[in-house]
């Protein structure tokens, strides 16, 4: 199991974001389109790990490609896999194995939850809701999803790292 996880989400232009995830053995970078509500889907997917459904899936549109994230709960750990499909329009019903696995890691849920939470909070601090909407265009900043993940992370993970109290 990797013991270092880094995650970033950077708005890079009108309707585009650079998503990076890295552990101590591999890194994945994708340029994500606003055709889906990608940051919201990510926050909901990670928050879903705190519930009874052990597998969470969500996709990012890379126009035209798709990257599908598959998160599997394994006790307090999460097996993460990213699968790439050449065309999002034709891969909707395709099984995960039909895509090419381009990144994977196993991390403690607390580390994943904290990394995603911290990144989303920094995007909100940097751009604000209005600035995010101006750059992302199609979708507002997912405030409710961020608050939900924050609540679940603090309630279930016992995370001792600092958290942004302004978003409570």
C-alpha atoms as a PDB file:
ATOM      1  CA  UNK A   1       0.000   0.000   0.000  1.00  0.00           C
ATOM      2  CA  UNK A   2       1.210   3.473  -0.838  1.00  0.00           C
ATOM      3  CA  UNK A   3       1.646   5.817   2.079  1.00  0.00           C
ATOM      4  CA  UNK A   4       1.585   9.183   0.374  1.00  0.00           C
ATOM      5  CA  UNK A   5      -1.330  10.586  -1.600  1.00  0.00           C
ATOM      6  CA  UNK A   6      -1.449  13.916  -3.365  1.00  0.00           C
ATOM      7  CA  UNK A   7      -4.446  15.270  -5.216  1.00  0.00           C
ATOM      8  CA  UNK A   8      -5.021  18.537  -7.057  1.00  0.00           C
ATOM      9  CA  UNK A   9      -7.774  20.178  -9.104  1.00  0.00           C
ATOM     10  CA  UNK A  10      -6.842  23.307 -11.005  1.00  0.00           C
ATOM     11  CA  UNK A  11      -9.230  25.303 -13.166  1.00  0.00           C
ATOM     12  CA  UNK A  12      -7.173  25.877 -16.285  1.00  0.00           C
ATOM     13  CA  UNK A  13      -9.465  27.850 -18.552  1.00  0.00           C
ATOM     14  CA  UNK A  14     -13.081  28.229 -19.475  1.00  0.00           C
ATOM     15  CA  UNK A  15     -14.614  24.799 -18.910  1.00  0.00           C
ATOM     16  CA  UNK A  16     -11.368  22.910 -18.219  1.00  0.00           C
ATOM     17  CA  UNK A  17      -9.625  21.583 -15.127  1.00  0.00           C
ATOM     18  CA  UNK A  18      -6.366  19.743 -14.596  1.00  0.00           C
ATOM     19  CA  UNK A  19      -6.862  16.813 -12.246  1.00  0.00           C
ATOM     20  CA  UNK A  20      -3.760  15.176 -10.747  1.00  0.00           C
ATOM     21  CA  UNK A  21      -3.534  12.237  -8.392  1.00  0.00           C
ATOM     22  CA  UNK A  22      -0.245  10.822  -7.218  1.00  0.00           C
ATOM     23  CA  UNK A  23       1.034   8.299  -4.727  1.00  0.00           C
ATOM     24  CA  UNK A  24       4.604   7.261  -3.998  1.00  0.00           C
ATOM     25  CA  UNK A  25       4.758   5.039  -7.076  1.00  0.00           C
ATOM     26  CA  UNK A  26       2.698   6.653  -9.877  1.00  0.00           C
ATOM     27  CA  UNK A  27       0.956   9.815 -11.015  1.00  0.00           C
ATOM     28  CA  UNK A  28      -2.055  10.447 -13.255  1.00  0.00           C
ATOM     29  CA  UNK A  29      -2.920  13.775 -14.872  1.00  0.00           C
ATOM     30  CA  UNK A  30      -6.046  14.455 -16.918  1.00  0.00           C
ATOM     31  CA  UNK A  31      -7.476  17.581 -18.516  1.00  0.00           C
ATOM     32  CA  UNK A  32     -11.152  17.346 -17.569  1.00  0.00           C
ATOM     33  CA  UNK A  33     -14.036  18.975 -19.430  1.00  0.00           C
ATOM     34  CA  UNK A  34     -17.055  20.754 -17.974  1.00  0.00           C
ATOM     35  CA  UNK A  35     -19.348  18.452 -19.987  1.00  0.00           C
ATOM     36  CA  UNK A  36     -19.907  16.612 -16.709  1.00  0.00           C
ATOM     37  CA  UNK A  37     -20.126  18.069 -13.214  1.00  0.00           C
ATOM     38  CA  UNK A  38     -16.772  16.456 -12.513  1.00  0.00           C
ATOM     39  CA  UNK A  39     -15.800  17.994  -9.160  1.00  0.00           C
ATOM     40  CA  UNK A  40     -19.269  17.308  -7.786  1.00  0.00           C
ATOM     41  CA  UNK A  41     -19.128  13.718  -9.047  1.00  0.00           C
ATOM     42  CA  UNK A  42     -15.739  13.272  -7.367  1.00  0.00           C
ATOM     43  CA  UNK A  43     -16.976  14.663  -4.035  1.00  0.00           C
ATOM     44  CA  UNK A  44     -20.112  12.494  -4.141  1.00  0.00           C
ATOM     45  CA  UNK A  45     -18.061   9.426  -5.072  1.00  0.00           C
ATOM     46  CA  UNK A  46     -15.647   9.848  -2.170  1.00  0.00           C
ATOM     47  CA  UNK A  47     -18.515  10.653   0.226  1.00  0.00           C
ATOM     48  CA  UNK A  48     -20.245   7.470  -0.949  1.00  0.00           C
ATOM     49  CA  UNK A  49     -17.384   5.460   0.556  1.00  0.00           C
ATOM     50  CA  UNK A  50     -18.811   6.307   3.982  1.00  0.00           C
ATOM     51  CA  UNK A  51     -22.106   4.566   3.212  1.00  0.00           C
ATOM     52  CA  UNK A  52     -23.269   0.985   2.664  1.00  0.00           C
ATOM     53  CA  UNK A  53     -22.367   0.740  -1.037  1.00  0.00           C
ATOM     54  CA  UNK A  54     -18.781  -0.588  -1.222  1.00  0.00           C
ATOM     55  CA  UNK A  55     -18.031   0.476  -4.824  1.00  0.00           C
ATOM     56  CA  UNK A  56     -18.292   4.019  -6.162  1.00  0.00           C
ATOM     57  CA  UNK A  57     -17.898   4.883  -9.853  1.00  0.00           C
ATOM     58  CA  UNK A  58     -17.787   8.230 -11.613  1.00  0.00           C
ATOM     59  CA  UNK A  59     -16.379   9.461 -14.886  1.00  0.00           C
ATOM     60  CA  UNK A  60     -14.638  12.539 -16.195  1.00  0.00           C
ATOM     61  CA  UNK A  61     -15.134  13.631 -19.798  1.00  0.00           C
ATOM     62  CA  UNK A  62     -11.836  14.367 -21.539  1.00  0.00           C
ATOM     63  CA  UNK A  63     -13.540  15.145 -24.881  1.00  0.00           C
ATOM     64  CA  UNK A  64     -13.831  12.637 -26.383  1.00  0.00           C
ATOM     65  CA  UNK A  65     -12.146  10.154 -24.030  1.00  0.00           C
ATOM     66  CA  UNK A  66     -13.460   9.086 -20.632  1.00  0.00           C
ATOM     67  CA  UNK A  67     -11.597   8.284 -17.456  1.00  0.00           C
ATOM     68  CA  UNK A  68     -13.681   6.219 -15.062  1.00  0.00           C
ATOM     69  CA  UNK A  69     -12.715   6.162 -11.413  1.00  0.00           C
ATOM     70  CA  UNK A  70     -13.603   3.018  -9.479  1.00  0.00           C
ATOM     71  CA  UNK A  71     -13.289   3.242  -5.694  1.00  0.00           C
ATOM     72  CA  UNK A  72     -13.695   0.038  -3.656  1.00  0.00           C
ATOM     73  CA  UNK A  73     -13.949   0.048   0.126  1.00  0.00           C
ATOM     74  CA  UNK A  74     -11.780  -2.568   1.825  1.00  0.00           C
ATOM     75  CA  UNK A  75     -12.410  -1.952   5.518  1.00  0.00           C
ATOM     76  CA  UNK A  76     -10.680   1.342   6.295  1.00  0.00           C
ATOM     77  CA  UNK A  77      -8.765   1.266   2.987  1.00  0.00           C
ATOM     78  CA  UNK A  78      -9.846   2.159  -0.529  1.00  0.00           C
ATOM     79  CA  UNK A  79      -8.663   0.432  -3.699  1.00  0.00           C
ATOM     80  CA  UNK A  80      -8.634   3.096  -6.399  1.00  0.00           C
ATOM     81  CA  UNK A  81      -8.446   2.412 -10.124  1.00  0.00           C
ATOM     82  CA  UNK A  82      -8.722   4.760 -13.081  1.00  0.00           C
ATOM     83  CA  UNK A  83      -9.743   3.237 -16.413  1.00  0.00           C
ATOM     84  CA  UNK A  84      -9.443   5.123 -19.711  1.00  0.00           C
ATOM     85  CA  UNK A  85     -11.876   4.653 -22.584  1.00  0.00           C
ATOM     86  CA  UNK A  86     -11.300   6.197 -26.018  1.00  0.00           C
ATOM     87  CA  UNK A  87     -14.778   7.726 -26.399  1.00  0.00           C
ATOM     88  CA  UNK A  88     -17.158   8.667 -23.598  1.00  0.00           C
ATOM     89  CA  UNK A  89     -20.111   8.561 -25.980  1.00  0.00           C
ATOM     90  CA  UNK A  90     -19.657   4.833 -26.576  1.00  0.00           C
ATOM     91  CA  UNK A  91     -18.290   3.635 -23.221  1.00  0.00           C
ATOM     92  CA  UNK A  92     -21.248   4.462 -20.959  1.00  0.00           C
ATOM     93  CA  UNK A  93     -22.401   0.851 -20.508  1.00  0.00           C
ATOM     94  CA  UNK A  94     -18.969  -0.737 -20.969  1.00  0.00           C
ATOM     95  CA  UNK A  95     -17.611  -2.764 -18.049  1.00  0.00           C
ATOM     96  CA  UNK A  96     -14.571  -1.370 -16.268  1.00  0.00           C
ATOM     97  CA  UNK A  97     -12.350  -4.103 -17.745  1.00  0.00           C
ATOM     98  CA  UNK A  98     -13.143  -2.829 -21.265  1.00  0.00           C
ATOM     99  CA  UNK A  99     -11.094   0.273 -20.499  1.00  0.00           C
ATOM    100  CA  UNK A 100      -7.350   0.484 -20.048  1.00  0.00           C
ATOM    101  CA  UNK A 101      -6.299   0.702 -16.408  1.00  0.00           C
ATOM    102  CA  UNK A 102      -4.065   3.782 -16.317  1.00  0.00           C
ATOM    103  CA  UNK A 103      -3.570   4.306 -12.569  1.00  0.00           C
ATOM    104  CA  UNK A 104      -4.239   2.507  -9.329  1.00  0.00           C
ATOM    105  CA  UNK A 105      -3.462   2.712  -5.643  1.00  0.00           C
ATOM    106  CA  UNK A 106      -4.672   1.534  -2.264  1.00  0.00           C
ATOM    107  CA  UNK A 107      -4.942   4.220   0.399  1.00  0.00           C
ATOM    108  CA  UNK A 108      -6.556   4.676   3.787  1.00  0.00           C
ATOM    109  CA  UNK A 109     -10.019   6.187   3.355  1.00  0.00           C
ATOM    110  CA  UNK A 110      -9.053   8.963   5.770  1.00  0.00           C
ATOM    111  CA  UNK A 111      -6.136   9.960   3.499  1.00  0.00           C
ATOM    112  CA  UNK A 112      -8.272   9.957   0.338  1.00  0.00           C
ATOM    113  CA  UNK A 113     -11.136  11.798   2.042  1.00  0.00           C
ATOM    114  CA  UNK A 114      -8.808  14.430   3.441  1.00  0.00           C
ATOM    115  CA  UNK A 115      -6.897  14.961   0.182  1.00  0.00           C
ATOM    116  CA  UNK A 116     -10.060  15.447  -1.882  1.00  0.00           C
ATOM    117  CA  UNK A 117     -11.697  17.613   0.801  1.00  0.00           C
ATOM    118  CA  UNK A 118      -8.628  19.815   1.170  1.00  0.00           C
ATOM    119  CA  UNK A 119      -8.319  20.274  -2.594  1.00  0.00           C
ATOM    120  CA  UNK A 120     -11.984  21.186  -3.081  1.00  0.00           C
ATOM    121  CA  UNK A 121     -11.785  23.659  -0.194  1.00  0.00           C
ATOM    122  CA  UNK A 122      -8.734  25.324  -1.758  1.00  0.00           C
ATOM    123  CA  UNK A 123     -10.540  25.613  -5.129  1.00  0.00           C
ATOM    124  CA  UNK A 124     -13.437  27.341  -3.349  1.00  0.00           C
ATOM    125  CA  UNK A 125     -11.098  29.662  -1.408  1.00  0.00           C
ATOM    126  CA  UNK A 126      -9.180  30.584  -4.565  1.00  0.00           C
ATOM    127  CA  UNK A 127     -12.131  31.211  -6.891  1.00  0.00           C
ATOM    128  CA  UNK A 128     -15.206  31.643  -4.695  1.00  0.00           C
ATOM    129  CA  UNK A 129     -18.557  30.366  -5.913  1.00  0.00           C
ATOM    130  CA  UNK A 130     -18.942  33.116  -8.532  1.00  0.00           C
ATOM    131  CA  UNK A 131     -15.408  32.744  -9.859  1.00  0.00           C
ATOM    132  CA  UNK A 132     -15.772  28.973 -10.073  1.00  0.00           C
ATOM    133  CA  UNK A 133     -19.029  29.309 -12.015  1.00  0.00           C
ATOM    134  CA  UNK A 134     -17.437  31.843 -14.357  1.00  0.00           C
ATOM    135  CA  UNK A 135     -14.572  29.441 -15.149  1.00  0.00           C
ATOM    136  CA  UNK A 136     -16.441  26.107 -15.053  1.00  0.00           C
ATOM    137  CA  UNK A 137     -19.476  27.614 -16.850  1.00  0.00           C
ATOM    138  CA  UNK A 138     -21.917  24.684 -16.935  1.00  0.00           C
ATOM    139  CA  UNK A 139     -22.106  23.906 -13.205  1.00  0.00           C
ATOM    140  CA  UNK A 140     -21.947  25.826  -9.925  1.00  0.00           C
ATOM    141  CA  UNK A 141     -19.413  24.983  -7.240  1.00  0.00           C
ATOM    142  CA  UNK A 142     -20.690  21.853  -5.411  1.00  0.00           C
ATOM    143  CA  UNK A 143     -21.016  23.434  -1.952  1.00  0.00           C
ATOM    144  CA  UNK A 144     -23.464  20.844  -0.589  1.00  0.00           C
ATOM    145  CA  UNK A 145     -21.282  17.934  -1.774  1.00  0.00           C
ATOM    146  CA  UNK A 146     -18.219  19.539  -0.167  1.00  0.00           C
ATOM    147  CA  UNK A 147     -20.061  20.056   3.124  1.00  0.00           C
ATOM    148  CA  UNK A 148     -21.337  16.473   3.043  1.00  0.00           C
ATOM    149  CA  UNK A 149     -17.867  15.024   2.484  1.00  0.00           C
ATOM    150  CA  UNK A 150     -16.425  17.247   5.219  1.00  0.00           C
ATOM    151  CA  UNK A 151     -19.094  16.119   7.698  1.00  0.00           C
ATOM    152  CA  UNK A 152     -18.624  12.418   6.878  1.00  0.00           C
ATOM    153  CA  UNK A 153     -14.838  12.637   6.936  1.00  0.00           C
ATOM    154  CA  UNK A 154     -14.760  14.331  10.333  1.00  0.00           C
ATOM    155  CA  UNK A 155     -17.462  12.056  11.779  1.00  0.00           C
ATOM    156  CA  UNK A 156     -16.026   8.720  10.640  1.00  0.00           C
ATOM    157  CA  UNK A 157     -12.288   9.104  10.092  1.00  0.00           C
ATOM    158  CA  UNK A 158     -11.052  10.766  13.256  1.00  0.00           C
ATOM    159  CA  UNK A 159      -8.715  12.804  11.054  1.00  0.00           C
ATOM    160  CA  UNK A 160      -6.275  14.842  13.092  1.00  0.00           C
ATOM    161  CA  UNK A 161      -5.148  17.059  10.225  1.00  0.00           C
ATOM    162  CA  UNK A 162      -6.344  20.700  10.123  1.00  0.00           C
ATOM    163  CA  UNK A 163      -9.662  21.442   8.422  1.00  0.00           C
ATOM    164  CA  UNK A 164     -11.192  24.669   7.149  1.00  0.00           C
ATOM    165  CA  UNK A 165     -13.718  25.623   9.844  1.00  0.00           C
ATOM    166  CA  UNK A 166     -15.161  28.356   7.608  1.00  0.00           C
ATOM    167  CA  UNK A 167     -16.818  25.662   5.514  1.00  0.00           C
ATOM    168  CA  UNK A 168     -18.524  23.881   8.408  1.00  0.00           C
END
